[in-house]
Amino acid sequence: MTFAPPPRSEKPRTAGITAMIDFGPDEMGWTGEHGLRDLMACAAPFIDMAKIYAMNAILMPEDAVKANIAIYRDNDVVAYTGGVLFEYAYLRGEVDDMLDHVERLGVPALEISENYVTLDSDERHEFVARAAKRGFQVIWEFGRKNPDAPFDLDEVGGMIKGAMDAGAHHVILEQSELDLLEEASPGDFAKLSEQPWFPHALIEGDPYRFPQQHGEIIKQFGPEVNLANIAAGQCYRLEGLRRGIGRAVDYAMFREYGL
């Protein structure tokens, strides 16, 4: 093909990762089996990961979840369960039961978060290592849903290093934490990309602020920034933003032509 769109990195990617959030049959994208097949037919090359939202791994019919996981697998998309599922299992003392369930579904990865529960470092590392030893790709999420103070870059850097040393593959930065940091300390927010762990981090966006927020993140951190919580109906447009297509990035694709 000689007439092609602006270039971007291809899968498997180590940068510019798009992690979709699969809400299930929802206004943000109807990802029942047929809807998901249609989405993958168009957008699979642009989607690297897909999070099974919140408790959907146990709320939805098991056969429906398994069918979606198979579709993701066939399209080289890494599916993972959301951290709320882990937190629920932790509070019930049923983490091993949760791991058994996720394994039975065929989900290759899972998120361990601390949105509402609080783990000390030894607990965090033990749960990350336990899941990694079971063969799961582990994503650790930093941050609370309702933070009361902006986070310290060095402190969080130490927590991320510990989680990754224990076996975490990626880290997700909670949207609420990023919003507070950007508001209270924009200088530190701008320094995120300077941190040694940033290439392993996914910035969590807000689907309800798409595309403006996502365009600003791309302008600040570049088109190969890792982004999470992208709704199914937003993945195609996000790929355009990464390539400089759209008002949210001021049609950056035309800059090389002096426009």
Protein backbone atom coordinates (compact mmCIF):
# COMPACT_ATOMS: atom_id res chain seq x y z
CA MET A 1 0.00 0.00 0.00
CA THR A 2 1.62 3.24 -1.13
CA PHE A 3 -1.09 5.65 0.04
CA ALA A 4 -1.04 5.06 3.79
CA PRO A 5 -2.01 6.90 7.01
CA PRO A 6 0.57 8.58 9.26
CA PRO A 7 2.77 5.81 10.71
CA ARG A 8 2.70 4.34 14.18
CA SER A 9 4.36 1.43 15.98
CA GLU A 10 2.83 -2.01 15.44
CA LYS A 11 1.99 -4.89 17.78
CA PRO A 12 3.58 -6.30 19.82
CA ARG A 13 4.30 -2.88 21.31
CA THR A 14 6.45 -1.87 24.25
CA ALA A 15 5.30 1.76 23.98
CA GLY A 16 2.10 3.38 22.82
CA ILE A 17 0.01 0.65 24.48
CA THR A 18 -3.76 1.06 24.36
CA ALA A 19 -5.58 -0.81 27.13
CA MET A 20 -9.30 -0.91 26.44
CA ILE A 21 -11.84 -1.21 29.24
CA ASP A 22 -14.49 -3.80 28.43
CA PHE A 23 -17.67 -2.67 30.19
CA GLY A 24 -19.71 -5.49 28.66
CA PRO A 25 -23.05 -4.61 27.01
CA ASP A 26 -22.92 -0.90 27.78
CA GLU A 27 -23.37 2.58 26.33
CA MET A 28 -19.55 2.84 26.12
CA GLY A 29 -19.46 0.00 23.59
CA TRP A 30 -21.58 -3.13 23.23
CA THR A 31 -18.96 -5.82 23.77
CA GLY A 32 -21.10 -8.88 23.66
CA GLU A 33 -19.60 -11.61 21.49
CA HIS A 34 -20.90 -10.26 18.16
CA GLY A 35 -20.09 -6.65 18.97
CA LEU A 36 -16.60 -7.60 20.05
CA ARG A 37 -16.00 -9.53 16.82
CA ASP A 38 -17.02 -6.45 14.84
CA LEU A 39 -14.71 -4.26 16.93
CA MET A 40 -11.77 -6.62 16.50
CA ALA A 41 -12.33 -6.80 12.74
CA CYS A 42 -11.60 -3.07 12.55
CA ALA A 43 -9.54 -2.14 15.58
CA ALA A 44 -7.59 -5.22 16.74
CA PRO A 45 -4.26 -3.82 15.44
CA PHE A 46 -4.74 -0.77 17.67
CA ILE A 47 -5.74 -2.51 20.92
CA ASP A 48 -3.03 -4.17 23.03
CA MET A 49 -4.88 -5.03 26.24
CA ALA A 50 -8.47 -5.28 27.45
CA LYS A 51 -9.63 -5.02 31.06
CA ILE A 52 -12.72 -6.97 32.09
CA TYR A 53 -14.44 -4.21 34.03
CA ALA A 54 -14.75 -4.36 37.82
CA MET A 55 -16.73 -7.47 38.79
CA ASN A 56 -17.84 -8.52 35.30
CA ALA A 57 -15.68 -11.65 35.49
CA ILE A 58 -18.15 -13.01 38.04
CA LEU A 59 -21.26 -10.95 37.20
CA MET A 60 -21.53 -11.97 33.55
CA PRO A 61 -22.39 -15.51 32.46
CA GLU A 62 -19.20 -17.56 32.48
CA ASP A 63 -19.67 -18.77 28.90
CA ALA A 64 -20.03 -15.18 27.69
CA VAL A 65 -16.80 -14.14 29.42
CA LYS A 66 -14.97 -17.16 28.03
CA ALA A 67 -16.19 -16.38 24.52
CA ASN A 68 -14.85 -12.83 24.75
CA ILE A 69 -11.53 -14.00 26.17
CA ALA A 70 -11.13 -16.35 23.20
CA ILE A 71 -11.82 -13.48 20.78
CA TYR A 72 -9.19 -11.33 22.49
CA ARG A 73 -6.68 -14.19 22.41
CA ASP A 74 -7.29 -14.79 18.68
CA ASN A 75 -6.60 -11.11 18.00
CA ASP A 76 -3.41 -10.79 20.08
CA VAL A 77 -5.10 -8.68 22.77
CA VAL A 78 -4.08 -9.43 26.36
CA ALA A 79 -7.21 -9.62 28.51
CA TYR A 80 -7.00 -8.95 32.24
CA THR A 81 -9.40 -8.75 35.15
CA GLY A 82 -9.82 -5.42 36.96
CA GLY A 83 -8.35 -4.72 40.37
CA VAL A 84 -11.75 -4.42 42.09
CA LEU A 85 -12.13 -8.18 41.63
CA PHE A 86 -8.87 -8.71 43.55
CA GLU A 87 -9.89 -6.28 46.30
CA TYR A 88 -13.21 -8.09 46.75
CA ALA A 89 -11.42 -11.44 46.97
CA TYR A 90 -8.84 -10.01 49.41
CA LEU A 91 -11.52 -8.72 51.78
CA ARG A 92 -13.23 -12.12 51.71
CA GLY A 93 -9.99 -14.05 52.20
CA GLU A 94 -10.56 -15.77 48.84
CA VAL A 95 -7.65 -14.65 46.67
CA ASP A 96 -6.70 -18.21 45.70
CA ASP A 97 -10.33 -18.92 44.77
CA MET A 98 -10.29 -15.78 42.61
CA LEU A 99 -7.09 -16.90 40.90
CA ASP A 100 -8.66 -20.31 40.23
CA HIS A 101 -11.70 -18.62 38.69
CA VAL A 102 -9.65 -16.29 36.49
CA GLU A 103 -7.54 -19.22 35.33
CA ARG A 104 -10.68 -21.24 34.51
CA LEU A 105 -11.95 -18.36 32.37
CA GLY A 106 -8.72 -18.43 30.39
CA VAL A 107 -7.77 -14.84 31.30
CA PRO A 108 -3.98 -14.52 30.98
CA ALA A 109 -3.48 -11.42 33.14
CA LEU A 110 -4.92 -9.68 36.18
CA GLU A 111 -4.73 -6.39 37.99
CA ILE A 112 -3.88 -6.04 41.67
CA SER A 113 -5.03 -2.69 42.99
CA GLU A 114 -5.40 -0.79 46.25
CA ASN A 115 -8.25 1.56 45.40
CA TYR A 116 -10.03 0.82 48.68
CA VAL A 117 -7.93 -1.77 50.52
CA THR A 118 -4.47 -0.97 51.88
CA LEU A 119 -1.63 -3.47 51.59
CA ASP A 120 1.72 -3.13 53.29
CA SER A 121 4.72 -3.68 51.02
CA ASP A 122 5.22 -7.30 52.08
CA GLU A 123 1.58 -8.16 51.37
CA ARG A 124 1.68 -6.37 48.02
CA HIS A 125 4.81 -8.17 46.93
CA GLU A 126 3.48 -11.52 48.11
CA PHE A 127 0.23 -11.20 46.14
CA VAL A 128 2.06 -10.03 43.01
CA ALA A 129 4.54 -12.90 43.31
CA ARG A 130 1.77 -15.43 44.02
CA ALA A 131 -0.13 -14.48 40.87
CA ALA A 132 3.03 -14.32 38.76
CA LYS A 133 4.06 -17.80 39.91
CA ARG A 134 0.65 -19.06 38.78
CA GLY A 135 1.56 -17.84 35.28
CA PHE A 136 -0.46 -14.63 35.19
CA GLN A 137 0.86 -11.40 33.72
CA VAL A 138 0.40 -9.07 36.70
CA ILE A 139 -0.51 -5.41 36.47
CA TRP A 140 -0.21 -3.46 39.71
CA GLU A 141 -2.30 -0.31 39.99
CA PHE A 142 -1.10 2.54 42.13
CA GLY A 143 -3.62 4.85 43.71
CA ARG A 144 -6.85 5.42 45.57
CA LYS A 145 -10.22 6.26 44.08
CA ASN A 146 -10.52 9.16 46.53
CA PRO A 147 -7.01 10.48 47.31
CA ASP A 148 -6.66 13.34 49.77
CA ALA A 149 -3.16 14.55 48.83
CA PRO A 150 -1.02 14.49 45.68
CA PHE A 151 1.45 11.63 45.53
CA ASP A 152 5.22 11.99 45.83
CA LEU A 153 7.12 10.87 42.73
CA ASP A 154 10.01 9.32 44.64
CA GLU A 155 7.77 7.46 47.06
CA VAL A 156 5.64 6.05 44.28
CA GLY A 157 8.76 5.19 42.30
CA GLY A 158 9.92 3.01 45.19
CA MET A 159 6.54 1.29 45.39
CA ILE A 160 6.55 0.62 41.64
CA LYS A 161 10.08 -0.79 41.76
CA GLY A 162 9.08 -3.11 44.59
CA ALA A 163 6.01 -4.37 42.73
CA MET A 164 7.96 -4.93 39.54
CA ASP A 165 10.79 -6.69 41.36
CA ALA A 166 8.11 -9.00 42.80
CA GLY A 167 6.90 -9.85 39.29
CA ALA A 168 4.56 -7.10 38.06
CA HIS A 169 4.69 -6.59 34.31
CA HIS A 170 3.11 -3.13 34.15
CA VAL A 171 1.79 -0.50 36.52
CA ILE A 172 -1.37 1.57 36.06
CA LEU A 173 -1.62 5.07 37.50
CA GLU A 174 -5.12 5.62 38.91
CA GLN A 175 -7.04 8.41 37.19
CA SER A 176 -8.07 10.11 40.46
CA GLU A 177 -4.45 10.29 41.61
CA LEU A 178 -3.36 11.81 38.31
CA ASP A 179 -6.17 14.37 38.37
CA LEU A 180 -5.15 15.52 41.85
CA LEU A 181 -1.44 15.62 40.99
CA GLU A 182 -2.08 17.67 37.84
CA GLU A 183 -4.28 20.12 39.76
CA ALA A 184 -2.10 20.47 42.86
CA SER A 185 1.38 20.04 41.35
CA PRO A 186 1.46 20.50 37.57
CA GLY A 187 5.25 20.60 37.68
CA ASP A 188 5.41 17.07 39.11
CA PHE A 189 2.75 15.93 36.64
CA ALA A 190 4.96 17.16 33.79
CA LYS A 191 7.90 15.20 35.26
CA LEU A 192 6.11 11.85 35.05
CA SER A 193 7.77 11.00 31.75
CA GLU A 194 11.22 11.59 33.30
CA GLN A 195 10.75 8.80 35.85
CA PRO A 196 12.66 5.56 35.16
CA TRP A 197 9.47 3.52 35.59
CA PHE A 198 7.36 5.58 33.18
CA PRO A 199 7.88 3.26 30.16
CA HIS A 200 6.19 0.49 32.18
CA ALA A 201 3.30 2.70 33.31
CA LEU A 202 -0.13 3.15 31.77
CA ILE A 203 -1.90 6.45 32.37
CA GLU A 204 -5.54 5.90 33.20
CA GLY A 205 -7.84 8.20 31.27
CA ASP A 206 -11.43 9.17 31.93
CA PRO A 207 -13.79 7.82 29.24
CA TYR A 208 -16.20 10.64 30.02
CA ARG A 209 -13.58 13.26 29.13
CA PHE A 210 -12.70 11.78 25.77
CA PRO A 211 -11.27 13.05 23.46
CA GLN A 212 -10.17 16.35 25.06
CA GLN A 213 -8.32 14.84 28.03
CA HIS A 214 -6.67 12.16 25.91
CA GLY A 215 -5.56 14.73 23.36
CA GLU A 216 -3.93 16.79 26.10
CA ILE A 217 -2.11 13.72 27.45
CA ILE A 218 -0.80 12.93 23.96
CA LYS A 219 0.32 16.53 23.46
CA GLN A 220 2.18 16.45 26.79
CA PHE A 221 3.73 12.97 26.70
CA GLY A 222 3.77 12.14 22.99
CA PRO A 223 1.82 9.77 20.73
CA GLU A 224 3.52 6.67 22.16
CA VAL A 225 2.26 7.25 25.71
CA ASN A 226 0.65 4.18 27.29
CA LEU A 227 -3.04 4.73 27.97
CA ALA A 228 -5.60 2.66 29.91
CA ASN A 229 -9.38 2.77 30.45
CA ILE A 230 -10.16 3.48 26.80
CA ALA A 231 -13.78 2.59 26.11
CA ALA A 232 -14.47 0.22 23.22
CA GLY A 233 -16.11 2.97 21.17
CA GLN A 234 -13.09 5.24 21.66
CA CYS A 235 -10.25 2.96 20.54
CA TYR A 236 -10.45 3.84 16.86
CA ARG A 237 -10.55 7.58 17.46
CA LEU A 238 -7.70 7.31 19.98
CA GLU A 239 -5.57 5.66 17.30
CA GLY A 240 -6.31 8.65 15.12
CA LEU A 241 -5.23 11.03 17.89
CA ARG A 242 -1.97 9.12 18.24
CA ARG A 243 -1.35 9.64 14.51
CA GLY A 244 -2.16 13.35 14.72
CA ILE A 245 -5.70 13.09 13.38
CA GLY A 246 -8.44 15.11 15.09
CA ARG A 247 -9.19 18.47 16.68
CA ALA A 248 -8.13 17.28 20.13
CA VAL A 249 -4.51 17.18 18.85
CA ASP A 250 -4.91 20.13 16.46
CA TYR A 251 -4.43 17.84 13.43
CA ALA A 252 -0.75 17.49 14.27
CA MET A 253 -0.33 15.28 11.18
CA PHE A 254 -0.10 18.45 9.08
CA ARG A 255 2.78 20.05 11.02
CA GLU A 256 5.45 18.42 8.88
CA TYR A 257 3.93 20.27 5.93
CA GLY A 258 4.32 23.62 7.68
CA LEU A 259 0.61 24.04 8.47
